[in-house]
Amino acid sequence: MTLKEIAEYLGGELHGPESLDISGPARIEQAKEGQITFLANLKYQQHLQTTQASAILV
């Protein structure tokens, strides 16, 4: 699934490459390239600088 497809499905706003393929979700501190993660709790905000996720939902 591409970032564009995910953004359209969620009704979100995309900031990044629309055609980027996402293989699946992962925890912010464990995510790898090609995965998507999210930030729902500010106590995990520190991981924004170190995550390897290709996309982050905020």
Foldseek 3Di string as FASTA:
>chain_A
DFPLVVCVVVVHDDDDDRGQAAPEADDLQPDAERHEYEDDDCVCVVSVVPGRYPYYHD
